[in-house]
Amino acid sequence: MQIFIDSANIEEVRRAHEWGVISGVTTNPSLIAKEGRDFIATIKEMISIVGNLPLSAEVVTMDANEMVEQGKRLASIGEGIVVKIPMNEAGLIATNQLAKAGIKTNVTLIFSSTQALLAARAGATYVSPFIGRLDDINQVGMNLIEETSSIFRTHAIETQIISASIRHTAHIIEAALVGAHIATTPFKVIQQMMKHPLTDAGIEKFMADWEESKDNLGSI
């Protein structure tokens, strides 16, 4: 399973990319607004870091024709751009038109397997089920990933499933086990993935033993 970083923070994207662990980036209007920077300039700077890795940039209109026009402008910025489109009637129309134009799309705000199926049939490259927000209203968000994965496998649907609204590392493990292709996650969760108290303790002991004995062990 691939890991995408869900962020519009340039330093976060840079650090995660330096680790060599991310296969793409997702953004949304809220993340861009949080950074208080120009939308296009932010997208271009992230492209300068990640190159042609998939980078989902979202349209900001509810009109299908405008979605298509915005999508084409976004796609012209870089080869890796994936146009992120909301799951609604206008979004399906735009997804279908952009797919016919050879432009990759990521249909977002998916909360049911029927929505995921419609988006896939419209031509979406990716669908983004939001698991954390379902958990927030006492539904089991991971059931949506499992249902969608089963439907796509049964019918040989090539659309990839991005587990979105990730809240913690357990979400990533569970999503991988039930068949998600990708988890898009905040930087802090990627940081948590690398941490374990036994690892920290082991490193501390190795270094302490080395300091105590290094005079007799030579140099590296």
N, C-alpha and C. Protein backbone atom coordinates (compact mmCIF):
# COMPACT_ATOMS: atom_id res chain seq x y z
N MET A 1 0.85 -1.20 0.00
CA MET A 1 0.00 0.00 0.00
C MET A 1 0.88 1.24 0.00
N GLN A 2 0.49 2.22 -0.80
CA GLN A 2 1.24 3.46 -0.89
C GLN A 2 0.80 4.44 0.19
N ILE A 3 1.72 5.34 0.54
CA ILE A 3 1.44 6.40 1.50
C ILE A 3 1.51 7.74 0.78
N PHE A 4 0.44 8.52 0.86
CA PHE A 4 0.44 9.90 0.40
C PHE A 4 0.44 10.79 1.64
N ILE A 5 1.03 11.98 1.51
CA ILE A 5 0.92 12.96 2.59
C ILE A 5 -0.23 13.89 2.28
N ASP A 6 -1.08 14.14 3.28
CA ASP A 6 -2.23 15.03 3.14
C ASP A 6 -1.86 16.36 3.78
N SER A 7 -1.41 17.30 2.97
CA SER A 7 -0.86 18.53 3.54
C SER A 7 -0.72 19.59 2.45
N ALA A 8 -0.68 20.85 2.87
CA ALA A 8 -0.28 21.94 1.99
C ALA A 8 0.89 22.70 2.60
N ASN A 9 1.50 22.09 3.63
CA ASN A 9 2.64 22.70 4.30
C ASN A 9 3.93 22.27 3.58
N ILE A 10 4.64 23.23 3.03
CA ILE A 10 5.80 22.92 2.20
C ILE A 10 6.87 22.16 2.98
N GLU A 11 7.12 22.56 4.21
CA GLU A 11 8.16 21.90 4.99
C GLU A 11 7.79 20.45 5.30
N GLU A 12 6.51 20.21 5.60
CA GLU A 12 6.06 18.84 5.85
C GLU A 12 6.25 17.97 4.60
N VAL A 13 5.86 18.50 3.46
CA VAL A 13 6.00 17.75 2.20
C VAL A 13 7.47 17.48 1.92
N ARG A 14 8.31 18.49 2.13
CA ARG A 14 9.75 18.33 1.89
C ARG A 14 10.35 17.24 2.78
N ARG A 15 10.02 17.28 4.06
CA ARG A 15 10.60 16.30 4.99
C ARG A 15 10.15 14.88 4.66
N ALA A 16 8.84 14.72 4.43
CA ALA A 16 8.32 13.38 4.12
C ALA A 16 8.92 12.84 2.83
N HIS A 17 9.11 13.73 1.86
CA HIS A 17 9.71 13.30 0.59
C HIS A 17 11.17 12.91 0.78
N GLU A 18 11.89 13.63 1.62
CA GLU A 18 13.29 13.29 1.90
C GLU A 18 13.43 11.91 2.52
N TRP A 19 12.44 11.50 3.31
CA TRP A 19 12.49 10.17 3.92
C TRP A 19 12.32 9.06 2.88
N GLY A 20 11.77 9.40 1.71
CA GLY A 20 11.58 8.41 0.66
C GLY A 20 10.39 7.50 0.87
N VAL A 21 9.42 7.94 1.67
CA VAL A 21 8.31 7.04 2.03
C VAL A 21 6.99 7.41 1.36
N ILE A 22 6.88 8.61 0.79
CA ILE A 22 5.60 9.00 0.21
C ILE A 22 5.60 8.77 -1.30
N SER A 23 4.41 8.41 -1.80
CA SER A 23 4.23 8.17 -3.23
C SER A 23 3.34 9.22 -3.87
N GLY A 24 2.94 10.23 -3.10
CA GLY A 24 2.09 11.27 -3.64
C GLY A 24 1.66 12.24 -2.56
N VAL A 25 0.90 13.25 -2.97
CA VAL A 25 0.43 14.31 -2.07
C VAL A 25 -1.05 14.57 -2.36
N THR A 26 -1.83 14.82 -1.31
CA THR A 26 -3.19 15.32 -1.49
C THR A 26 -3.32 16.64 -0.74
N THR A 27 -4.12 17.53 -1.31
CA THR A 27 -4.41 18.79 -0.65
C THR A 27 -5.92 19.02 -0.73
N ASN A 28 -6.39 20.05 -0.08
CA ASN A 28 -7.78 20.48 -0.22
C ASN A 28 -7.85 21.97 0.11
N PRO A 29 -8.96 22.63 -0.20
CA PRO A 29 -9.04 24.07 0.05
C PRO A 29 -8.79 24.45 1.51
N SER A 30 -9.23 23.62 2.44
CA SER A 30 -9.03 23.93 3.87
C SER A 30 -7.55 23.92 4.22
N LEU A 31 -6.81 22.93 3.70
CA LEU A 31 -5.37 22.85 3.99
C LEU A 31 -4.62 24.03 3.37
N ILE A 32 -4.99 24.40 2.15
CA ILE A 32 -4.35 25.54 1.50
C ILE A 32 -4.66 26.82 2.27
N ALA A 33 -5.93 27.00 2.67
CA ALA A 33 -6.32 28.20 3.40
C ALA A 33 -5.58 28.30 4.74
N LYS A 34 -5.36 27.16 5.37
CA LYS A 34 -4.66 27.14 6.66
C LYS A 34 -3.25 27.70 6.53
N GLU A 35 -2.62 27.48 5.38
CA GLU A 35 -1.25 27.96 5.18
C GLU A 35 -1.20 29.44 4.84
N GLY A 36 -2.35 30.00 4.38
CA GLY A 36 -2.40 31.43 4.09
C GLY A 36 -1.53 31.85 2.92
N ARG A 37 -1.33 30.92 1.96
CA ARG A 37 -0.47 31.22 0.82
C ARG A 37 -1.26 31.15 -0.48
N ASP A 38 -0.68 31.71 -1.54
CA ASP A 38 -1.31 31.65 -2.86
C ASP A 38 -1.48 30.19 -3.29
N PHE A 39 -2.67 29.87 -3.80
CA PHE A 39 -3.02 28.50 -4.16
C PHE A 39 -2.06 27.93 -5.21
N ILE A 40 -1.94 28.60 -6.34
CA ILE A 40 -1.13 28.08 -7.44
C ILE A 40 0.34 28.05 -7.06
N ALA A 41 0.81 29.07 -6.37
CA ALA A 41 2.21 29.10 -5.95
C ALA A 41 2.53 27.93 -5.03
N THR A 42 1.59 27.60 -4.14
CA THR A 42 1.79 26.46 -3.23
C THR A 42 1.88 25.16 -4.01
N ILE A 43 0.96 24.97 -4.97
CA ILE A 43 0.97 23.76 -5.79
C ILE A 43 2.29 23.64 -6.54
N LYS A 44 2.74 24.73 -7.15
CA LYS A 44 3.99 24.70 -7.93
C LYS A 44 5.19 24.39 -7.05
N GLU A 45 5.20 24.92 -5.84
CA GLU A 45 6.34 24.65 -4.96
C GLU A 45 6.36 23.19 -4.53
N MET A 46 5.17 22.62 -4.27
CA MET A 46 5.13 21.20 -3.93
C MET A 46 5.59 20.35 -5.10
N ILE A 47 5.22 20.73 -6.33
CA ILE A 47 5.69 20.00 -7.51
C ILE A 47 7.21 20.06 -7.60
N SER A 48 7.80 21.21 -7.25
CA SER A 48 9.26 21.32 -7.31
C SER A 48 9.95 20.36 -6.35
N ILE A 49 9.20 19.92 -5.33
CA ILE A 49 9.75 18.97 -4.35
C ILE A 49 9.52 17.53 -4.77
N VAL A 50 8.30 17.21 -5.16
CA VAL A 50 7.93 15.80 -5.41
C VAL A 50 7.99 15.41 -6.88
N GLY A 51 8.26 16.36 -7.76
CA GLY A 51 8.37 16.04 -9.19
C GLY A 51 7.04 15.58 -9.76
N ASN A 52 7.06 14.43 -10.43
CA ASN A 52 5.86 13.94 -11.12
C ASN A 52 5.04 12.95 -10.29
N LEU A 53 5.29 12.89 -8.99
CA LEU A 53 4.42 12.06 -8.15
C LEU A 53 3.00 12.62 -8.20
N PRO A 54 1.97 11.78 -8.02
CA PRO A 54 0.60 12.28 -8.03
C PRO A 54 0.39 13.35 -6.97
N LEU A 55 -0.20 14.47 -7.37
CA LEU A 55 -0.49 15.55 -6.45
C LEU A 55 -1.92 16.01 -6.71
N SER A 56 -2.80 15.71 -5.76
CA SER A 56 -4.22 16.05 -5.91
C SER A 56 -4.46 17.51 -5.52
N ALA A 57 -4.96 18.29 -6.48
CA ALA A 57 -5.31 19.69 -6.26
C ALA A 57 -6.79 19.86 -6.57
N GLU A 58 -7.52 20.48 -5.66
CA GLU A 58 -8.99 20.46 -5.72
C GLU A 58 -9.59 21.67 -6.41
N VAL A 59 -10.64 21.41 -7.19
CA VAL A 59 -11.41 22.51 -7.78
C VAL A 59 -12.21 23.20 -6.68
N VAL A 60 -12.57 24.46 -6.96
CA VAL A 60 -13.30 25.25 -5.94
C VAL A 60 -14.52 25.90 -6.58
N THR A 61 -15.39 25.06 -7.11
CA THR A 61 -16.65 25.51 -7.68
C THR A 61 -17.62 24.35 -7.63
N MET A 62 -18.91 24.64 -7.69
CA MET A 62 -19.93 23.59 -7.73
C MET A 62 -20.61 23.50 -9.08
N ASP A 63 -20.04 24.17 -10.08
CA ASP A 63 -20.58 24.13 -11.44
C ASP A 63 -19.74 23.17 -12.28
N ALA A 64 -20.38 22.24 -12.98
CA ALA A 64 -19.65 21.20 -13.70
C ALA A 64 -18.72 21.78 -14.76
N ASN A 65 -19.21 22.74 -15.54
CA ASN A 65 -18.37 23.32 -16.59
C ASN A 65 -17.16 24.04 -16.00
N GLU A 66 -17.39 24.75 -14.90
CA GLU A 66 -16.27 25.43 -14.25
C GLU A 66 -15.29 24.43 -13.66
N MET A 67 -15.81 23.31 -13.13
CA MET A 67 -14.91 22.25 -12.64
C MET A 67 -13.99 21.76 -13.74
N VAL A 68 -14.56 21.56 -14.91
CA VAL A 68 -13.77 21.07 -16.05
C VAL A 68 -12.70 22.10 -16.42
N GLU A 69 -13.09 23.37 -16.50
CA GLU A 69 -12.13 24.41 -16.87
C GLU A 69 -11.03 24.55 -15.82
N GLN A 70 -11.43 24.56 -14.53
CA GLN A 70 -10.43 24.64 -13.47
C GLN A 70 -9.52 23.41 -13.51
N GLY A 71 -10.14 22.24 -13.75
CA GLY A 71 -9.37 21.01 -13.81
C GLY A 71 -8.32 21.04 -14.91
N LYS A 72 -8.70 21.56 -16.06
CA LYS A 72 -7.74 21.64 -17.18
C LYS A 72 -6.61 22.61 -16.85
N ARG A 73 -6.94 23.72 -16.19
CA ARG A 73 -5.88 24.67 -15.81
C ARG A 73 -4.94 24.05 -14.79
N LEU A 74 -5.51 23.34 -13.82
CA LEU A 74 -4.67 22.68 -12.82
C LEU A 74 -3.77 21.63 -13.47
N ALA A 75 -4.35 20.84 -14.36
CA ALA A 75 -3.58 19.76 -15.00
C ALA A 75 -2.42 20.31 -15.82
N SER A 76 -2.56 21.55 -16.31
CA SER A 76 -1.50 22.14 -17.13
C SER A 76 -0.29 22.56 -16.30
N ILE A 77 -0.44 22.58 -14.98
CA ILE A 77 0.66 23.02 -14.11
C ILE A 77 1.78 22.00 -14.06
N GLY A 78 1.42 20.71 -14.06
CA GLY A 78 2.45 19.69 -13.95
C GLY A 78 1.92 18.32 -14.32
N GLU A 79 2.83 17.45 -14.73
CA GLU A 79 2.45 16.12 -15.22
C GLU A 79 1.79 15.27 -14.14
N GLY A 80 2.16 15.48 -12.88
CA GLY A 80 1.63 14.64 -11.81
C GLY A 80 0.31 15.12 -11.23
N ILE A 81 -0.20 16.25 -11.70
CA ILE A 81 -1.43 16.80 -11.12
C ILE A 81 -2.61 15.86 -11.32
N VAL A 82 -3.34 15.62 -10.22
CA VAL A 82 -4.60 14.89 -10.23
C VAL A 82 -5.67 15.88 -9.79
N VAL A 83 -6.70 16.03 -10.57
CA VAL A 83 -7.75 17.01 -10.25
C VAL A 83 -8.71 16.39 -9.24
N LYS A 84 -8.81 17.04 -8.10
CA LYS A 84 -9.65 16.56 -7.01
C LYS A 84 -11.04 17.18 -7.14
N ILE A 85 -12.06 16.33 -7.13
CA ILE A 85 -13.42 16.76 -7.44
C ILE A 85 -14.38 16.23 -6.37
N PRO A 86 -15.32 17.06 -5.90
CA PRO A 86 -16.27 16.58 -4.89
C PRO A 86 -17.28 15.60 -5.46
N MET A 87 -17.77 14.71 -4.61
CA MET A 87 -18.74 13.70 -5.01
C MET A 87 -20.14 14.30 -5.00
N ASN A 88 -20.57 14.75 -6.17
CA ASN A 88 -21.96 15.19 -6.36
C ASN A 88 -22.26 15.10 -7.85
N GLU A 89 -23.43 15.52 -8.25
CA GLU A 89 -23.82 15.37 -9.66
C GLU A 89 -22.87 16.13 -10.58
N ALA A 90 -22.60 17.38 -10.23
CA ALA A 90 -21.68 18.17 -11.05
C ALA A 90 -20.30 17.52 -11.09
N GLY A 91 -19.89 16.98 -9.94
CA GLY A 91 -18.59 16.33 -9.87
C GLY A 91 -18.49 15.12 -10.78
N LEU A 92 -19.56 14.34 -10.87
CA LEU A 92 -19.55 13.17 -11.75
C LEU A 92 -19.46 13.60 -13.21
N ILE A 93 -20.20 14.64 -13.58
CA ILE A 93 -20.14 15.14 -14.95
C ILE A 93 -18.72 15.59 -15.28
N ALA A 94 -18.12 16.37 -14.37
CA ALA A 94 -16.77 16.87 -14.60
C ALA A 94 -15.76 15.74 -14.64
N THR A 95 -15.90 14.78 -13.75
CA THR A 95 -14.99 13.63 -13.74
C THR A 95 -15.01 12.91 -15.07
N ASN A 96 -16.21 12.68 -15.59
CA ASN A 96 -16.35 11.98 -16.86
C ASN A 96 -15.71 12.76 -18.00
N GLN A 97 -15.94 14.07 -18.03
CA GLN A 97 -15.37 14.89 -19.10
C GLN A 97 -13.85 14.96 -19.01
N LEU A 98 -13.34 15.11 -17.80
CA LEU A 98 -11.89 15.17 -17.63
C LEU A 98 -11.23 13.83 -17.97
N ALA A 99 -11.89 12.74 -17.58
CA ALA A 99 -11.36 11.42 -17.91
C ALA A 99 -11.27 11.24 -19.42
N LYS A 100 -12.29 11.68 -20.14
CA LYS A 100 -12.29 11.59 -21.61
C LYS A 100 -11.17 12.44 -22.21
N ALA A 101 -10.77 13.50 -21.49
CA ALA A 101 -9.67 14.35 -21.96
C ALA A 101 -8.31 13.84 -21.51
N GLY A 102 -8.30 12.69 -20.84
CA GLY A 102 -7.03 12.10 -20.40
C GLY A 102 -6.46 12.71 -19.14
N ILE A 103 -7.30 13.39 -18.37
CA ILE A 103 -6.84 14.04 -17.14
C ILE A 103 -7.24 13.19 -15.94
N LYS A 104 -6.29 12.94 -15.05
CA LYS A 104 -6.54 12.10 -13.87
C LYS A 104 -7.37 12.86 -12.85
N THR A 105 -8.24 12.11 -12.18
CA THR A 105 -9.13 12.72 -11.18
C THR A 105 -9.14 11.90 -9.89
N ASN A 106 -9.46 12.60 -8.82
CA ASN A 106 -9.62 12.00 -7.50
C ASN A 106 -10.95 12.50 -6.93
N VAL A 107 -11.95 11.63 -6.90
CA VAL A 107 -13.26 12.04 -6.39
C VAL A 107 -13.25 11.91 -4.87
N THR A 108 -13.51 13.02 -4.21
CA THR A 108 -13.34 13.11 -2.76
C THR A 108 -14.68 13.23 -2.04
N LEU A 109 -14.62 13.16 -0.71
CA LEU A 109 -15.81 13.21 0.14
C LEU A 109 -16.75 12.04 -0.17
N ILE A 110 -16.15 10.85 -0.27
CA ILE A 110 -16.91 9.61 -0.47
C ILE A 110 -17.27 9.05 0.90
N PHE A 111 -18.57 8.78 1.10
CA PHE A 111 -19.03 8.24 2.37
C PHE A 111 -19.87 6.97 2.22
N SER A 112 -19.96 6.44 0.99
CA SER A 112 -20.67 5.18 0.79
C SER A 112 -20.04 4.45 -0.40
N SER A 113 -20.21 3.13 -0.41
CA SER A 113 -19.66 2.35 -1.52
C SER A 113 -20.40 2.63 -2.82
N THR A 114 -21.67 3.03 -2.73
CA THR A 114 -22.40 3.39 -3.95
C THR A 114 -21.80 4.65 -4.58
N GLN A 115 -21.43 5.61 -3.74
CA GLN A 115 -20.77 6.81 -4.27
C GLN A 115 -19.45 6.44 -4.94
N ALA A 116 -18.69 5.55 -4.29
CA ALA A 116 -17.40 5.12 -4.85
C ALA A 116 -17.60 4.44 -6.20
N LEU A 117 -18.63 3.60 -6.30
CA LEU A 117 -18.91 2.89 -7.55
C LEU A 117 -19.28 3.87 -8.66
N LEU A 118 -20.14 4.83 -8.35
CA LEU A 118 -20.52 5.83 -9.36
C LEU A 118 -19.30 6.63 -9.83
N ALA A 119 -18.46 7.03 -8.90
CA ALA A 119 -17.27 7.80 -9.26
C ALA A 119 -16.34 6.98 -10.16
N ALA A 120 -16.19 5.71 -9.83
CA ALA A 120 -15.35 4.84 -10.64
C ALA A 120 -15.92 4.69 -12.04
N ARG A 121 -17.22 4.49 -12.14
CA ARG A 121 -17.85 4.34 -13.45
C ARG A 121 -17.80 5.63 -14.26
N ALA A 122 -17.74 6.78 -13.58
CA ALA A 122 -17.61 8.05 -14.29
C ALA A 122 -16.21 8.25 -14.85
N GLY A 123 -15.26 7.43 -14.38
CA GLY A 123 -13.90 7.50 -14.91
C GLY A 123 -12.86 7.97 -13.94
N ALA A 124 -13.19 8.04 -12.63
CA ALA A 124 -12.22 8.51 -11.64
C ALA A 124 -10.97 7.63 -11.60
N THR A 125 -9.83 8.27 -11.52
CA THR A 125 -8.57 7.54 -11.34
C THR A 125 -8.48 7.03 -9.90
N TYR A 126 -8.92 7.86 -8.97
CA TYR A 126 -8.92 7.54 -7.55
C TYR A 126 -10.27 7.90 -6.94
N VAL A 127 -10.65 7.19 -5.88
CA VAL A 127 -11.75 7.62 -5.02
C VAL A 127 -11.22 7.73 -3.60
N SER A 128 -11.74 8.70 -2.87
CA SER A 128 -11.25 8.96 -1.51
C SER A 128 -12.36 8.82 -0.48
N PRO A 129 -12.57 7.60 0.05
CA PRO A 129 -13.50 7.42 1.16
C PRO A 129 -12.92 8.04 2.44
N PHE A 130 -13.78 8.75 3.19
CA PHE A 130 -13.35 9.42 4.42
C PHE A 130 -13.71 8.56 5.63
N ILE A 131 -12.73 7.89 6.19
CA ILE A 131 -13.04 6.96 7.27
C ILE A 131 -13.14 7.63 8.64
N GLY A 132 -12.28 8.59 8.89
CA GLY A 132 -12.30 9.24 10.20
C GLY A 132 -13.59 9.97 10.48
N ARG A 133 -14.14 10.63 9.45
CA ARG A 133 -15.38 11.38 9.65
C ARG A 133 -16.56 10.44 9.89
N LEU A 134 -16.51 9.24 9.31
CA LEU A 134 -17.55 8.25 9.61
C LEU A 134 -17.42 7.76 11.05
N ASP A 135 -16.19 7.51 11.49
CA ASP A 135 -15.98 7.13 12.88
C ASP A 135 -16.53 8.18 13.83
N ASP A 136 -16.40 9.44 13.44
CA ASP A 136 -16.84 10.55 14.29
C ASP A 136 -18.34 10.52 14.55
N ILE A 137 -19.11 9.92 13.63
CA ILE A 137 -20.57 9.87 13.82
C ILE A 137 -21.02 8.44 14.18
N ASN A 138 -20.10 7.70 14.79
CA ASN A 138 -20.38 6.38 15.32
C ASN A 138 -20.70 5.33 14.25
N GLN A 139 -20.17 5.54 13.05
CA GLN A 139 -20.16 4.49 12.04
C GLN A 139 -18.74 3.93 11.95
N VAL A 140 -18.60 2.73 11.42
CA VAL A 140 -17.27 2.11 11.31
C VAL A 140 -16.73 2.46 9.92
N GLY A 141 -15.87 3.45 9.89
CA GLY A 141 -15.37 3.94 8.62
C GLY A 141 -14.65 2.88 7.80
N MET A 142 -13.97 1.97 8.48
CA MET A 142 -13.20 0.96 7.76
C MET A 142 -14.10 0.00 7.00
N ASN A 143 -15.35 -0.14 7.41
CA ASN A 143 -16.28 -0.98 6.65
C ASN A 143 -16.45 -0.46 5.23
N LEU A 144 -16.39 0.87 5.08
CA LEU A 144 -16.53 1.47 3.76
C LEU A 144 -15.36 1.08 2.86
N ILE A 145 -14.16 1.08 3.41
CA ILE A 145 -12.99 0.67 2.62
C ILE A 145 -13.11 -0.80 2.22
N GLU A 146 -13.53 -1.63 3.16
CA GLU A 146 -13.65 -3.06 2.89
C GLU A 146 -14.72 -3.33 1.81
N GLU A 147 -15.88 -2.68 1.92
CA GLU A 147 -16.95 -2.85 0.93
C GLU A 147 -16.49 -2.40 -0.46
N THR A 148 -15.90 -1.22 -0.50
CA THR A 148 -15.47 -0.67 -1.79
C THR A 148 -14.40 -1.54 -2.42
N SER A 149 -13.45 -1.99 -1.62
CA SER A 149 -12.39 -2.86 -2.13
C SER A 149 -12.95 -4.15 -2.69
N SER A 150 -13.92 -4.73 -1.99
CA SER A 150 -14.53 -5.98 -2.45
C SER A 150 -15.26 -5.79 -3.77
N ILE A 151 -16.02 -4.71 -3.88
CA ILE A 151 -16.75 -4.42 -5.12
C ILE A 151 -15.78 -4.22 -6.28
N PHE A 152 -14.74 -3.44 -6.05
CA PHE A 152 -13.79 -3.16 -7.13
C PHE A 152 -13.06 -4.42 -7.57
N ARG A 153 -12.69 -5.28 -6.61
CA ARG A 153 -12.01 -6.53 -6.98
C ARG A 153 -12.96 -7.45 -7.76
N THR A 154 -14.18 -7.57 -7.29
CA THR A 154 -15.14 -8.47 -7.93
C THR A 154 -15.39 -8.10 -9.38
N HIS A 155 -15.41 -6.80 -9.66
CA HIS A 155 -15.77 -6.34 -10.99
C HIS A 155 -14.58 -5.78 -11.77
N ALA A 156 -13.37 -6.07 -11.27
CA ALA A 156 -12.13 -5.68 -11.96
C ALA A 156 -12.11 -4.19 -12.30
N ILE A 157 -12.51 -3.37 -11.33
CA ILE A 157 -12.50 -1.91 -11.50
C ILE A 157 -11.11 -1.40 -11.16
N GLU A 158 -10.53 -0.64 -12.07
CA GLU A 158 -9.13 -0.22 -11.92
C GLU A 158 -8.96 1.02 -11.05
N THR A 159 -10.03 1.73 -10.76
CA THR A 159 -9.95 2.91 -9.91
C THR A 159 -9.30 2.55 -8.57
N GLN A 160 -8.35 3.37 -8.13
CA GLN A 160 -7.65 3.09 -6.89
C GLN A 160 -8.34 3.76 -5.70
N ILE A 161 -8.28 3.07 -4.57
CA ILE A 161 -8.94 3.54 -3.35
C ILE A 161 -7.93 4.23 -2.45
N ILE A 162 -8.21 5.50 -2.15
CA ILE A 162 -7.38 6.26 -1.22
C ILE A 162 -8.13 6.37 0.11
N SER A 163 -7.62 5.73 1.14
CA SER A 163 -8.21 5.92 2.47
C SER A 163 -7.87 7.32 2.97
N ALA A 164 -8.89 8.13 3.17
CA ALA A 164 -8.68 9.52 3.58
C ALA A 164 -9.28 9.75 4.96
N SER A 165 -9.06 10.94 5.49
CA SER A 165 -9.49 11.27 6.85
C SER A 165 -8.89 10.28 7.84
N ILE A 166 -7.58 10.06 7.67
CA ILE A 166 -6.83 9.18 8.57
C ILE A 166 -6.54 9.92 9.87
N ARG A 167 -6.81 9.27 10.99
CA ARG A 167 -6.63 9.93 12.29
C ARG A 167 -5.46 9.37 13.10
N HIS A 168 -5.07 8.12 12.81
CA HIS A 168 -4.02 7.48 13.62
C HIS A 168 -3.43 6.31 12.84
N THR A 169 -2.36 5.74 13.37
CA THR A 169 -1.65 4.69 12.64
C THR A 169 -2.48 3.43 12.48
N ALA A 170 -3.38 3.15 13.41
CA ALA A 170 -4.23 1.95 13.29
C ALA A 170 -5.09 2.03 12.04
N HIS A 171 -5.54 3.23 11.68
CA HIS A 171 -6.30 3.40 10.45
C HIS A 171 -5.50 2.91 9.24
N ILE A 172 -4.22 3.20 9.22
CA ILE A 172 -3.39 2.82 8.08
C ILE A 172 -3.23 1.30 8.01
N ILE A 173 -2.98 0.67 9.15
CA ILE A 173 -2.85 -0.79 9.17
C ILE A 173 -4.15 -1.44 8.72
N GLU A 174 -5.26 -0.98 9.27
CA GLU A 174 -6.56 -1.57 8.93
C GLU A 174 -6.89 -1.37 7.45
N ALA A 175 -6.60 -0.18 6.92
CA ALA A 175 -6.88 0.10 5.52
C ALA A 175 -6.06 -0.80 4.61
N ALA A 176 -4.82 -1.03 4.97
CA ALA A 176 -3.96 -1.92 4.18
C ALA A 176 -4.50 -3.34 4.20
N LEU A 177 -4.97 -3.78 5.35
CA LEU A 177 -5.45 -5.15 5.48
C LEU A 177 -6.73 -5.41 4.70
N VAL A 178 -7.58 -4.39 4.56
CA VAL A 178 -8.86 -4.61 3.87
C VAL A 178 -8.83 -4.19 2.40
N GLY A 179 -7.65 -3.80 1.90
CA GLY A 179 -7.51 -3.67 0.46
C GLY A 179 -7.40 -2.27 -0.12
N ALA A 180 -7.20 -1.24 0.72
CA ALA A 180 -6.97 0.09 0.15
C ALA A 180 -5.65 0.10 -0.60
N HIS A 181 -5.61 0.83 -1.70
CA HIS A 181 -4.37 0.96 -2.46
C HIS A 181 -3.43 1.99 -1.84
N ILE A 182 -4.04 3.00 -1.20
CA ILE A 182 -3.30 4.17 -0.72
C ILE A 182 -3.92 4.65 0.58
N ALA A 183 -3.09 5.16 1.48
CA ALA A 183 -3.59 5.92 2.63
C ALA A 183 -3.00 7.31 2.52
N THR A 184 -3.84 8.33 2.57
CA THR A 184 -3.33 9.70 2.59
C THR A 184 -3.50 10.23 4.01
N THR A 185 -2.42 10.72 4.55
CA THR A 185 -2.38 10.93 5.99
C THR A 185 -1.63 12.20 6.37
N PRO A 186 -2.02 12.84 7.46
CA PRO A 186 -1.27 14.01 7.92
C PRO A 186 0.18 13.65 8.26
N PHE A 187 1.03 14.64 8.20
CA PHE A 187 2.45 14.45 8.49
C PHE A 187 2.67 13.84 9.87
N LYS A 188 1.89 14.30 10.87
CA LYS A 188 2.10 13.81 12.23
C LYS A 188 1.85 12.31 12.34
N VAL A 189 0.94 11.77 11.53
CA VAL A 189 0.68 10.33 11.57
C VAL A 189 1.83 9.57 10.92
N ILE A 190 2.41 10.13 9.85
CA ILE A 190 3.59 9.49 9.25
C ILE A 190 4.72 9.47 10.27
N GLN A 191 4.88 10.54 11.02
CA GLN A 191 5.89 10.56 12.09
C GLN A 191 5.63 9.46 13.12
N GLN A 192 4.36 9.31 13.49
CA GLN A 192 4.00 8.29 14.48
C GLN A 192 4.29 6.89 13.98
N MET A 193 4.18 6.68 12.66
CA MET A 193 4.41 5.35 12.09
C MET A 193 5.83 4.86 12.33
N MET A 194 6.79 5.78 12.39
CA MET A 194 8.18 5.37 12.53
C MET A 194 8.59 5.17 14.00
N LYS A 195 7.71 5.55 14.91
CA LYS A 195 8.08 5.52 16.33
C LYS A 195 7.64 4.23 17.02
N HIS A 196 8.50 3.75 17.92
CA HIS A 196 8.14 2.67 18.83
C HIS A 196 9.05 2.79 20.05
N PRO A 197 8.51 2.67 21.26
CA PRO A 197 9.35 2.86 22.45
C PRO A 197 10.49 1.86 22.54
N LEU A 198 10.30 0.64 22.05
CA LEU A 198 11.39 -0.33 22.09
C LEU A 198 12.51 0.03 21.11
N THR A 199 12.14 0.65 19.99
CA THR A 199 13.17 1.15 19.07
C THR A 199 13.99 2.23 19.74
N ASP A 200 13.31 3.19 20.37
CA ASP A 200 14.01 4.29 21.06
C ASP A 200 14.93 3.75 22.15
N ALA A 201 14.40 2.79 22.92
CA ALA A 201 15.21 2.22 24.00
C ALA A 201 16.41 1.47 23.44
N GLY A 202 16.21 0.74 22.34
CA GLY A 202 17.30 -0.01 21.73
C GLY A 202 18.39 0.91 21.22
N ILE A 203 18.00 2.01 20.56
CA ILE A 203 18.99 2.96 20.05
C ILE A 203 19.78 3.57 21.20
N GLU A 204 19.06 3.93 22.27
CA GLU A 204 19.72 4.53 23.43
C GLU A 204 20.75 3.58 24.02
N LYS A 205 20.39 2.29 24.11
CA LYS A 205 21.33 1.31 24.68
C LYS A 205 22.53 1.09 23.76
N PHE A 206 22.28 0.97 22.45
CA PHE A 206 23.40 0.78 21.51
C PHE A 206 24.40 1.93 21.61
N MET A 207 23.88 3.16 21.66
CA MET A 207 24.77 4.31 21.71
C MET A 207 25.52 4.39 23.03
N ALA A 208 24.81 4.05 24.14
CA ALA A 208 25.48 4.05 25.44
C ALA A 208 26.59 3.01 25.49
N ASP A 209 26.33 1.82 24.96
CA ASP A 209 27.35 0.76 24.93
C ASP A 209 28.54 1.18 24.06
N TRP A 210 28.26 1.85 22.95
CA TRP A 210 29.34 2.29 22.07
C TRP A 210 30.22 3.34 22.77
N GLU A 211 29.57 4.32 23.43
CA GLU A 211 30.34 5.35 24.12
C GLU A 211 31.23 4.75 25.21
N GLU A 212 30.70 3.72 25.87
CA GLU A 212 31.45 3.10 26.96
C GLU A 212 32.65 2.29 26.43
N SER A 213 32.54 1.74 25.23
CA SER A 213 33.55 0.81 24.75
C SER A 213 34.30 1.29 23.52
N LYS A 214 34.00 2.47 22.98
CA LYS A 214 34.51 2.87 21.68
C LYS A 214 36.04 2.95 21.64
N ASP A 215 36.68 3.25 22.77
CA ASP A 215 38.14 3.35 22.77
C ASP A 215 38.79 2.02 22.45
N ASN A 216 38.08 0.92 22.72
CA ASN A 216 38.62 -0.41 22.45
C ASN A 216 38.12 -1.00 21.13
N LEU A 217 37.19 -0.31 20.48
CA LEU A 217 36.57 -0.88 19.28
C LEU A 217 37.04 -0.23 17.98
N GLY A 218 37.79 0.84 18.08
CA GLY A 218 38.24 1.52 16.87
C GLY A 218 37.15 2.40 16.30
N SER A 219 37.40 2.90 15.11
CA SER A 219 36.45 3.81 14.46
C SER A 219 35.74 3.13 13.31
N ILE A 220 34.64 3.73 12.89
CA ILE A 220 33.88 3.22 11.74
C ILE A 220 34.34 3.94 10.48
